[in-house]
Amino acid sequence: MKDQIIIRGLRFSSRIGVPDEERAEPQTLRAHLTMEVERFPQEDEIIGTVDYKAVADRVVALAGVGERKLIETLAQEIAGTVLGEFAVSKVRVEIEKKILRETDWVGVVIERSSSEGN
């Protein structure tokens, strides 16, 4: 297993949902990201590793732009952005959405790697 950086429980707003009325107002979603990197740096410096604050800020910004019908679409966009903009070889994206009264949440999980040609 390669070294991993994990962001757990990132909250952000997004206009998302199949019916138009669901997308009318932003909803709060929660994401968990697990990012694989080749190896953590030997020096105690941010250079040579992934800045998880920068990743979190980028995900929040991405989710806040436009609207989407599916959380599956958002998960794929997040995975592609993380792989394309950060030194990450593989990313697992989990998104949770509180939408059904009888559940705690519904969600999706995807894994993408740089070798897939994102």
Protein backbone atom coordinates (compact mmCIF):
# COMPACT_ATOMS: atom_id res chain seq x y z
CA MET A 1 0.00 0.00 0.00
CA LYS A 2 1.21 3.47 -0.84
CA ASP A 3 1.12 6.33 1.63
CA GLN A 4 -2.29 7.94 2.01
CA ILE A 5 -3.70 11.33 2.88
CA ILE A 6 -7.28 11.28 4.15
CA ILE A 7 -9.86 14.04 4.38
CA ARG A 8 -12.84 12.81 6.36
CA GLY A 9 -16.19 14.61 6.68
CA LEU A 10 -15.59 17.60 4.41
CA ARG A 11 -18.81 19.61 4.37
CA PHE A 12 -19.76 21.81 1.42
CA SER A 13 -22.76 23.19 -0.43
CA SER A 14 -23.87 22.20 -3.90
CA ARG A 15 -26.95 22.56 -6.07
CA ILE A 16 -27.66 18.92 -6.74
CA GLY A 17 -30.67 16.70 -7.34
CA VAL A 18 -32.75 15.18 -10.10
CA PRO A 19 -35.88 17.36 -9.78
CA ASP A 20 -35.51 21.07 -10.53
CA GLU A 21 -36.92 22.02 -7.12
CA GLU A 22 -34.21 20.00 -5.38
CA ARG A 23 -31.53 22.01 -7.20
CA ALA A 24 -33.24 25.34 -6.46
CA GLU A 25 -31.28 25.83 -3.22
CA PRO A 26 -27.81 24.59 -2.28
CA GLN A 27 -27.69 21.48 -0.11
CA THR A 28 -25.03 20.50 2.37
CA LEU A 29 -23.13 17.38 1.35
CA ARG A 30 -20.30 15.55 3.04
CA ALA A 31 -17.29 13.97 1.35
CA HIS A 32 -14.49 11.67 2.38
CA LEU A 33 -11.36 11.54 0.24
CA THR A 34 -8.54 9.02 0.44
CA MET A 35 -5.58 9.98 -1.73
CA GLU A 36 -2.62 7.75 -2.48
CA VAL A 37 0.78 9.35 -2.93
CA GLU A 38 4.05 7.70 -3.86
CA ARG A 39 5.75 8.37 -0.55
CA PHE A 40 5.68 10.97 2.16
CA PRO A 41 8.63 13.38 2.13
CA GLN A 42 11.67 12.68 4.26
CA GLU A 43 11.95 16.34 5.24
CA ASP A 44 9.47 17.96 7.61
CA GLU A 45 8.25 20.38 4.92
CA ILE A 46 4.99 20.74 2.98
CA ILE A 47 6.93 20.67 -0.28
CA GLY A 48 6.92 17.11 -1.55
CA THR A 49 3.52 16.18 -0.19
CA VAL A 50 -0.10 17.08 -0.91
CA ASP A 51 -1.51 20.12 0.86
CA TYR A 52 -4.81 18.75 2.16
CA LYS A 53 -6.11 22.28 2.84
CA ALA A 54 -5.61 23.12 -0.84
CA VAL A 55 -7.43 19.92 -1.84
CA ALA A 56 -10.34 20.69 0.51
CA ASP A 57 -10.58 24.27 -0.76
CA ARG A 58 -10.57 23.06 -4.38
CA VAL A 59 -13.32 20.49 -3.74
CA VAL A 60 -15.50 23.09 -2.00
CA ALA A 61 -14.98 25.54 -4.88
CA LEU A 62 -15.73 22.89 -7.52
CA ALA A 63 -18.91 21.71 -5.80
CA GLY A 64 -20.17 25.27 -5.43
CA VAL A 65 -20.08 26.03 -9.16
CA GLY A 66 -23.06 25.19 -11.35
CA GLU A 67 -25.53 22.45 -10.64
CA ARG A 68 -25.71 18.73 -11.17
CA LYS A 69 -28.45 16.13 -11.11
CA LEU A 70 -26.34 13.27 -9.74
CA ILE A 71 -23.90 12.92 -6.87
CA GLU A 72 -22.22 10.35 -9.11
CA THR A 73 -21.34 13.18 -11.52
CA LEU A 74 -19.94 15.32 -8.72
CA ALA A 75 -17.85 12.41 -7.39
CA GLN A 76 -16.31 11.87 -10.83
CA GLU A 77 -15.58 15.59 -11.21
CA ILE A 78 -13.89 15.67 -7.80
CA ALA A 79 -11.79 12.59 -8.60
CA GLY A 80 -10.70 14.02 -11.95
CA THR A 81 -9.81 17.38 -10.42
CA VAL A 82 -7.78 15.88 -7.57
CA LEU A 83 -5.87 13.59 -9.94
CA GLY A 84 -5.31 16.38 -12.44
CA GLU A 85 -4.23 19.14 -10.07
CA PHE A 86 -2.42 17.39 -7.22
CA ALA A 87 0.43 14.85 -6.95
CA VAL A 88 -1.93 11.96 -6.27
CA SER A 89 -1.75 8.57 -7.99
CA LYS A 90 -5.14 7.28 -6.82
CA VAL A 91 -8.18 8.80 -5.14
CA ARG A 92 -11.25 7.36 -3.48
CA VAL A 93 -14.18 9.77 -3.23
CA GLU A 94 -17.19 9.12 -1.04
CA ILE A 95 -20.10 11.57 -1.07
CA GLU A 96 -22.99 11.54 1.39
CA LYS A 97 -26.29 13.34 0.91
CA LYS A 98 -29.14 13.62 3.40
CA ILE A 99 -32.23 13.27 1.23
CA LEU A 100 -34.39 10.35 2.33
CA ARG A 101 -36.15 10.86 5.67
CA GLU A 102 -35.92 7.19 6.55
CA THR A 103 -32.13 7.08 6.14
CA ASP A 104 -29.13 8.77 7.74
CA TRP A 105 -27.79 9.48 4.25
CA VAL A 106 -27.41 8.10 0.75
CA GLY A 107 -24.11 8.10 -1.05
CA VAL A 108 -21.68 6.99 -3.69
CA VAL A 109 -18.11 5.74 -3.66
CA ILE A 110 -15.71 5.84 -6.60
CA GLU A 111 -12.02 5.14 -7.03
CA ARG A 112 -9.94 6.54 -9.85
CA SER A 113 -6.24 6.39 -10.58
CA SER A 114 -3.88 8.41 -12.75
CA SER A 115 -3.19 5.27 -14.79
CA GLU A 116 -6.81 5.30 -16.01
CA GLY A 117 -6.09 8.37 -18.14
CA ASN A 118 -8.35 10.86 -16.40
